[in-house]
Amino acid sequence: MGKQKKCPPSIQKHREILIALNGSLAGKSLRQIALDLYPPEHVASDWFNNSALKNRVRRRVERGRYFMNGGYETLLNYTPKQ
C-alpha cells in the first residue's frame, strides 16, 4: 500500500468510522478492525483491557452504526463555523 496523504482530523475520523463499520459488518473482531486502522506495532503494544486504543476502536464502530441507522442526517444538517 502506498503512502497515504495527510487529511484534516475530522475527515480522518470519519474515514476510520467507515472502515470500522465495514469491518464490524464483515464480522471482524475489534482487534482485527484496529489492525485495519493502525500500524500493527501500535496495536500490539497498546491493545489490552480498557486501553485507550481499544476504546477508540469501539467508539468508531458504535459511531458507524449510529450513522448507518439514520445518524448520517446530522452530517447533512451540519453548518461549518465561519
C-alpha atoms as a PDB file:
ATOM      1  CA  MET A   1       0.000   0.000   0.000  1.00  0.00           C
ATOM      2  CA  GLY A   2       1.287   3.458  -0.878  1.00  0.00           C
ATOM      3  CA  LYS A   3       1.888   6.336   1.459  1.00  0.00           C
ATOM      4  CA  GLN A   4      -1.374   7.998   2.477  1.00  0.00           C
ATOM      5  CA  LYS A   5      -1.823  11.736   2.279  1.00  0.00           C
ATOM      6  CA  LYS A   6      -2.474  13.609   5.498  1.00  0.00           C
ATOM      7  CA  CYS A   7      -6.053  14.756   5.782  1.00  0.00           C
ATOM      8  CA  PRO A   8      -7.814  17.008   8.295  1.00  0.00           C
ATOM      9  CA  PRO A   9      -8.612  15.323  11.640  1.00  0.00           C
ATOM     10  CA  SER A  10     -12.376  15.362  11.071  1.00  0.00           C
ATOM     11  CA  ILE A  11     -12.012  13.631   7.700  1.00  0.00           C
ATOM     12  CA  GLN A  12      -9.567  11.106   9.168  1.00  0.00           C
ATOM     13  CA  LYS A  13     -12.028  10.356  11.984  1.00  0.00           C
ATOM     14  CA  HIS A  14     -14.910   9.774   9.554  1.00  0.00           C
ATOM     15  CA  ARG A  15     -12.651   7.594   7.411  1.00  0.00           C
ATOM     16  CA  GLU A  16     -11.840   5.484  10.475  1.00  0.00           C
ATOM     17  CA  ILE A  17     -15.544   5.282  11.350  1.00  0.00           C
ATOM     18  CA  LEU A  18     -16.378   3.918   7.890  1.00  0.00           C
ATOM     19  CA  ILE A  19     -13.528   1.396   7.968  1.00  0.00           C
ATOM     20  CA  ALA A  20     -14.561   0.280  11.466  1.00  0.00           C
ATOM     21  CA  LEU A  21     -18.197  -0.079  10.429  1.00  0.00           C
ATOM     22  CA  ASN A  22     -17.258  -2.098   7.345  1.00  0.00           C
ATOM     23  CA  GLY A  23     -15.066  -4.367   9.445  1.00  0.00           C
ATOM     24  CA  SER A  24     -17.771  -4.856  12.039  1.00  0.00           C
ATOM     25  CA  LEU A  25     -20.389  -5.669   9.407  1.00  0.00           C
ATOM     26  CA  ALA A  26     -17.939  -8.181   7.899  1.00  0.00           C
ATOM     27  CA  GLY A  27     -17.694  -9.929  11.288  1.00  0.00           C
ATOM     28  CA  LYS A  28     -14.204  -8.768  12.240  1.00  0.00           C
ATOM     29  CA  SER A  29     -13.185  -8.517  15.893  1.00  0.00           C
ATOM     30  CA  LEU A  30     -12.267  -5.150  17.397  1.00  0.00           C
ATOM     31  CA  ARG A  31      -8.599  -6.150  17.267  1.00  0.00           C
ATOM     32  CA  GLN A  32      -8.846  -7.048  13.576  1.00  0.00           C
ATOM     33  CA  ILE A  33     -10.500  -3.682  12.927  1.00  0.00           C
ATOM     34  CA  ALA A  34      -7.713  -1.954  14.866  1.00  0.00           C
ATOM     35  CA  LEU A  35      -5.182  -3.656  12.590  1.00  0.00           C
ATOM     36  CA  ASP A  36      -7.058  -2.234   9.584  1.00  0.00           C
ATOM     37  CA  LEU A  37      -6.823   1.258  11.092  1.00  0.00           C
ATOM     38  CA  TYR A  38      -3.433   1.460  12.784  1.00  0.00           C
ATOM     39  CA  PRO A  39       0.120   0.090  12.423  1.00  0.00           C
ATOM     40  CA  PRO A  40       0.475  -3.480  13.776  1.00  0.00           C
ATOM     41  CA  GLU A  41       3.197  -2.472  16.236  1.00  0.00           C
ATOM     42  CA  HIS A  42       0.909   0.201  17.711  1.00  0.00           C
ATOM     43  CA  VAL A  43      -1.906  -2.334  18.147  1.00  0.00           C
ATOM     44  CA  ALA A  44       0.472  -4.931  19.631  1.00  0.00           C
ATOM     45  CA  SER A  45       1.812  -2.528  22.251  1.00  0.00           C
ATOM     46  CA  ASP A  46      -1.430  -0.720  23.138  1.00  0.00           C
ATOM     47  CA  TRP A  47      -4.079  -3.461  22.977  1.00  0.00           C
ATOM     48  CA  PHE A  48      -5.181  -4.570  26.448  1.00  0.00           C
ATOM     49  CA  ASN A  49      -8.329  -4.435  28.589  1.00  0.00           C
ATOM     50  CA  ASN A  50      -9.746  -0.910  28.765  1.00  0.00           C
ATOM     51  CA  SER A  51      -6.900   0.580  26.733  1.00  0.00           C
ATOM     52  CA  ALA A  52      -7.466   3.908  25.040  1.00  0.00           C
ATOM     53  CA  LEU A  53      -6.883   2.262  21.668  1.00  0.00           C
ATOM     54  CA  LYS A  54      -9.471  -0.476  22.249  1.00  0.00           C
ATOM     55  CA  ASN A  55     -11.984   2.114  23.453  1.00  0.00           C
ATOM     56  CA  ARG A  56     -11.304   4.308  20.403  1.00  0.00           C
ATOM     57  CA  VAL A  57     -11.968   1.393  18.044  1.00  0.00           C
ATOM     58  CA  ARG A  58     -15.129   0.505  19.970  1.00  0.00           C
ATOM     59  CA  ARG A  59     -16.362   4.112  19.673  1.00  0.00           C
ATOM     60  CA  ARG A  60     -15.598   4.163  15.931  1.00  0.00           C
ATOM     61  CA  VAL A  61     -17.767   1.047  15.436  1.00  0.00           C
ATOM     62  CA  GLU A  62     -20.568   2.496  17.589  1.00  0.00           C
ATOM     63  CA  ARG A  63     -20.471   5.787  15.699  1.00  0.00           C
ATOM     64  CA  GLY A  64     -20.539   3.957  12.369  1.00  0.00           C
ATOM     65  CA  ARG A  65     -23.659   2.044  13.439  1.00  0.00           C
ATOM     66  CA  TYR A  66     -25.223   5.311  14.573  1.00  0.00           C
ATOM     67  CA  PHE A  67     -24.590   6.874  11.153  1.00  0.00           C
ATOM     68  CA  MET A  68     -25.826   3.741   9.386  1.00  0.00           C
ATOM     69  CA  ASN A  69     -29.078   3.814  11.348  1.00  0.00           C
ATOM     70  CA  GLY A  70     -30.004   7.369  10.370  1.00  0.00           C
ATOM     71  CA  GLY A  71     -27.479   9.470  12.254  1.00  0.00           C
ATOM     72  CA  TYR A  72     -25.860  10.474   8.966  1.00  0.00           C
ATOM     73  CA  GLU A  73     -28.593  13.113   8.771  1.00  0.00           C
ATOM     74  CA  THR A  74     -26.741  15.056  11.476  1.00  0.00           C
ATOM     75  CA  LEU A  75     -23.878  15.403   8.985  1.00  0.00           C
ATOM     76  CA  LEU A  76     -26.235  16.668   6.293  1.00  0.00           C
ATOM     77  CA  ASN A  77     -27.521  19.389   8.609  1.00  0.00           C
ATOM     78  CA  TYR A  78     -24.020  20.422   9.664  1.00  0.00           C
ATOM     79  CA  THR A  79     -23.159  24.077   9.179  1.00  0.00           C
ATOM     80  CA  PRO A  80     -19.433  24.859   9.457  1.00  0.00           C
ATOM     81  CA  LYS A  81     -18.334  27.754  11.658  1.00  0.00           C
ATOM     82  CA  GLN A  82     -17.377  30.848   9.673  1.00  0.00           C
END
